[in-house]
Amino acid sequence: MKKTHQLAILRTFLISITLFSSGFLLAQQQTIDPQSQSNFWKKVQFGGGIGLSFGSGYTDISIAPSAIYNFNQYVALGLGAQYKYVKQRNYYASHLYGGSIIGLFNPINEIQLSAELEELRVNVDLDGSNSNSQDYWNTGLFLGAGYRTGNVTIGARYNVLNDNNNVYGSAFMPFVRVYF
């Protein structure tokens, strides 16, 4: 009984020391400087695109949010997401979704050069065909240039990986890029 009593006292003592000292240990943790944390968010910009198109039996809806981090006034790097729904009545309906990595270079304030690697999953349901669906990945590497004023850039980009199986009608694409 004596040994059990000593173990209980030792256990109580160790628990008390641990609880008492944990307050001191937590007080020694470093805190994040609020100014350094806010400097990060001052260099982040959000933007993207929204598209809506209707025609005779045709529907095209897209949303593509993105965010970039400005390392300095010349270089920015960011991530984007994309979802697109396209339907041509009596022919097909498709869902495209994926992401991209974008790099921006501004040699002067008015000129913006870009490189964007995009990876999309494509799901197509064909109407009136023996094979009712197609599922595949589409990769694009877009190199572009544009005129920049404020938060808006207007330009064109070219998919250097373009082939006949590309989900876009052309390798050459105009763009309007806006970041806030």
Protein backbone atom coordinates (compact mmCIF):
# COMPACT_ATOMS: atom_id res chain seq x y z
CA MET A 1 0.00 0.00 0.00
CA LYS A 2 2.86 2.30 0.80
CA LYS A 3 4.34 1.97 -2.71
CA THR A 4 0.94 2.70 -4.34
CA HIS A 5 0.55 5.79 -2.16
CA GLN A 6 4.04 7.03 -3.17
CA LEU A 7 3.22 6.53 -6.87
CA ALA A 8 -0.02 8.49 -6.47
CA ILE A 9 1.84 11.38 -4.78
CA LEU A 10 4.53 11.33 -7.49
CA ARG A 11 1.89 11.29 -10.24
CA THR A 12 0.02 14.21 -8.64
CA PHE A 13 3.29 16.13 -8.25
CA LEU A 14 4.28 15.56 -11.92
CA ILE A 15 0.82 16.57 -13.20
CA SER A 16 0.89 19.72 -11.04
CA ILE A 17 4.38 20.68 -12.28
CA THR A 18 3.34 20.06 -15.88
CA LEU A 19 0.18 22.18 -15.59
CA PHE A 20 1.98 24.94 -13.69
CA SER A 21 4.93 25.13 -16.09
CA SER A 22 2.82 24.89 -19.27
CA GLY A 23 1.65 28.45 -18.70
CA PHE A 24 5.26 29.61 -18.69
CA LEU A 25 6.10 27.51 -21.74
CA LEU A 26 3.21 28.94 -23.73
CA ALA A 27 4.22 32.45 -22.74
CA GLN A 28 7.58 31.86 -24.43
CA GLN A 29 6.04 31.18 -27.85
CA GLN A 30 6.88 33.70 -30.50
CA THR A 31 4.04 35.75 -31.80
CA ILE A 32 3.66 36.71 -35.44
CA ASP A 33 4.42 40.34 -36.08
CA PRO A 34 1.10 41.81 -37.28
CA GLN A 35 2.96 44.13 -39.66
CA SER A 36 4.78 41.26 -41.43
CA GLN A 37 1.51 39.36 -41.75
CA SER A 38 -0.27 42.35 -43.26
CA ASN A 39 2.63 42.98 -45.68
CA PHE A 40 1.99 39.58 -47.24
CA TRP A 41 -1.66 40.37 -47.93
CA LYS A 42 -0.76 43.79 -49.31
CA LYS A 43 1.12 41.99 -52.10
CA VAL A 44 -1.74 39.61 -52.97
CA GLN A 45 -4.25 40.48 -55.68
CA PHE A 46 -7.45 38.63 -56.56
CA GLY A 47 -9.16 38.56 -59.91
CA GLY A 48 -10.32 36.25 -62.62
CA GLY A 49 -13.01 35.99 -65.22
CA ILE A 50 -16.68 35.25 -65.64
CA GLY A 51 -18.21 34.34 -68.97
CA LEU A 52 -21.78 33.84 -70.11
CA SER A 53 -22.83 33.18 -73.66
CA PHE A 54 -26.16 32.08 -75.13
CA GLY A 55 -27.19 31.43 -78.71
CA SER A 56 -29.55 29.32 -80.77
CA GLY A 57 -29.32 26.06 -78.85
CA TYR A 58 -25.88 26.99 -77.48
CA THR A 59 -24.88 27.75 -73.88
CA ASP A 60 -21.44 28.61 -72.51
CA ILE A 61 -20.94 29.47 -68.82
CA SER A 62 -17.52 29.89 -67.23
CA ILE A 63 -15.97 31.06 -63.99
CA ALA A 64 -12.23 31.38 -63.42
CA PRO A 65 -11.06 32.95 -60.14
CA SER A 66 -7.35 33.54 -59.56
CA ALA A 67 -4.92 35.11 -57.13
CA ILE A 68 -1.38 36.40 -57.62
CA TYR A 69 1.42 37.38 -55.29
CA ASN A 70 3.51 40.38 -56.39
CA PHE A 71 7.12 39.71 -55.43
CA ASN A 72 8.01 43.21 -56.63
CA GLN A 73 6.82 45.67 -59.28
CA TYR A 74 8.14 43.41 -62.06
CA VAL A 75 7.30 39.80 -61.12
CA ALA A 76 4.13 38.09 -59.89
CA LEU A 77 3.18 34.42 -59.53
CA GLY A 78 -0.26 32.98 -58.90
CA LEU A 79 -2.81 30.19 -59.03
CA GLY A 80 -6.13 29.93 -60.78
CA ALA A 81 -9.11 27.62 -60.88
CA GLN A 82 -11.56 27.17 -63.73
CA TYR A 83 -14.97 25.68 -64.39
CA LYS A 84 -16.77 25.80 -67.72
CA TYR A 85 -20.06 24.35 -68.93
CA VAL A 86 -20.70 24.20 -72.67
CA LYS A 87 -23.78 22.74 -74.35
CA GLN A 88 -24.80 22.54 -78.00
CA ARG A 89 -28.38 21.28 -78.23
CA ASN A 90 -28.74 17.88 -79.93
CA TYR A 91 -24.96 17.54 -80.19
CA TYR A 92 -23.05 17.57 -76.88
CA ALA A 93 -22.76 18.87 -73.31
CA SER A 94 -19.41 19.27 -71.59
CA HIS A 95 -17.92 20.17 -68.23
CA LEU A 96 -14.34 21.44 -68.05
CA TYR A 97 -12.62 22.03 -64.74
CA GLY A 98 -9.09 22.40 -63.51
CA GLY A 99 -6.39 24.77 -62.43
CA SER A 100 -3.48 26.83 -63.62
CA ILE A 101 -0.22 28.40 -62.53
CA ILE A 102 0.43 31.87 -63.91
CA GLY A 103 3.60 33.92 -64.02
CA LEU A 104 3.53 37.63 -64.88
CA PHE A 105 6.44 39.86 -65.83
CA ASN A 106 6.11 43.64 -66.21
CA PRO A 107 9.31 44.99 -67.82
CA ILE A 108 7.68 48.45 -67.82
CA ASN A 109 4.40 49.61 -66.29
CA GLU A 110 2.44 49.45 -69.55
CA ILE A 111 3.61 46.02 -70.80
CA GLN A 112 2.78 42.68 -69.20
CA LEU A 113 4.23 39.36 -70.39
CA SER A 114 2.68 36.14 -69.13
CA ALA A 115 3.17 32.39 -69.04
CA GLU A 116 0.34 30.14 -67.86
CA LEU A 117 0.30 26.38 -67.47
CA GLU A 118 -3.27 25.10 -67.48
CA GLU A 119 -4.53 21.58 -66.78
CA LEU A 120 -8.22 20.86 -67.47
CA ARG A 121 -10.30 17.74 -67.02
CA VAL A 122 -12.77 17.50 -69.89
CA ASN A 123 -16.02 15.51 -69.63
CA VAL A 124 -18.08 15.43 -72.85
CA ASP A 125 -21.44 13.68 -73.28
CA LEU A 126 -22.26 13.23 -76.97
CA ASP A 127 -25.88 13.05 -78.15
CA GLY A 128 -26.87 10.47 -80.76
CA SER A 129 -23.54 8.63 -80.73
CA ASN A 130 -22.60 5.06 -79.89
CA SER A 131 -19.95 6.33 -77.54
CA ASN A 132 -21.91 8.63 -75.25
CA SER A 133 -19.02 10.22 -73.40
CA GLN A 134 -15.39 11.22 -73.54
CA ASP A 135 -13.24 12.00 -70.50
CA TYR A 136 -9.68 13.25 -70.87
CA TRP A 137 -7.10 15.75 -69.67
CA ASN A 138 -6.14 18.80 -71.71
CA THR A 139 -2.88 20.66 -71.04
CA GLY A 140 -2.17 24.14 -72.33
CA LEU A 141 0.92 26.32 -72.06
CA PHE A 142 -0.02 29.89 -72.91
CA LEU A 143 2.53 32.61 -73.63
CA GLY A 144 1.06 36.09 -73.82
CA ALA A 145 1.60 39.82 -73.93
CA GLY A 146 -0.67 42.70 -73.15
CA TYR A 147 -1.07 46.40 -72.56
CA ARG A 148 -1.53 47.21 -68.86
CA THR A 149 -3.20 50.22 -67.33
CA GLY A 150 -3.90 50.17 -63.60
CA ASN A 151 -5.40 46.80 -62.63
CA VAL A 152 -6.47 45.88 -66.17
CA THR A 153 -4.43 44.16 -68.89
CA ILE A 154 -5.72 43.66 -72.44
CA GLY A 155 -3.77 41.36 -74.70
CA ALA A 156 -3.44 38.02 -76.45
CA ARG A 157 -1.97 34.66 -75.60
CA TYR A 158 -0.90 31.68 -77.66
CA ASN A 159 -1.08 28.00 -76.67
CA VAL A 160 2.29 26.58 -77.67
CA LEU A 161 1.01 23.03 -76.96
CA ASN A 162 -1.91 23.40 -79.37
CA ASP A 163 -2.90 20.32 -81.36
CA ASN A 164 -6.05 19.18 -83.15
CA ASN A 165 -7.48 17.69 -79.93
CA ASN A 166 -7.38 21.02 -78.08
CA VAL A 167 -10.59 22.09 -76.32
CA TYR A 168 -10.22 25.62 -77.67
CA GLY A 169 -11.09 26.52 -81.25
CA SER A 170 -7.74 28.22 -81.83
CA ALA A 171 -4.29 28.41 -80.27
CA PHE A 172 -4.47 32.22 -80.38
CA MET A 173 -6.76 33.79 -77.75
CA PRO A 174 -7.42 37.40 -76.75
CA PHE A 175 -7.80 38.14 -73.01
CA VAL A 176 -8.76 40.81 -70.51
CA ARG A 177 -7.09 40.30 -67.12
CA VAL A 178 -8.25 42.22 -64.03
CA TYR A 179 -6.72 42.05 -60.54
CA PHE A 180 -7.80 43.99 -57.47
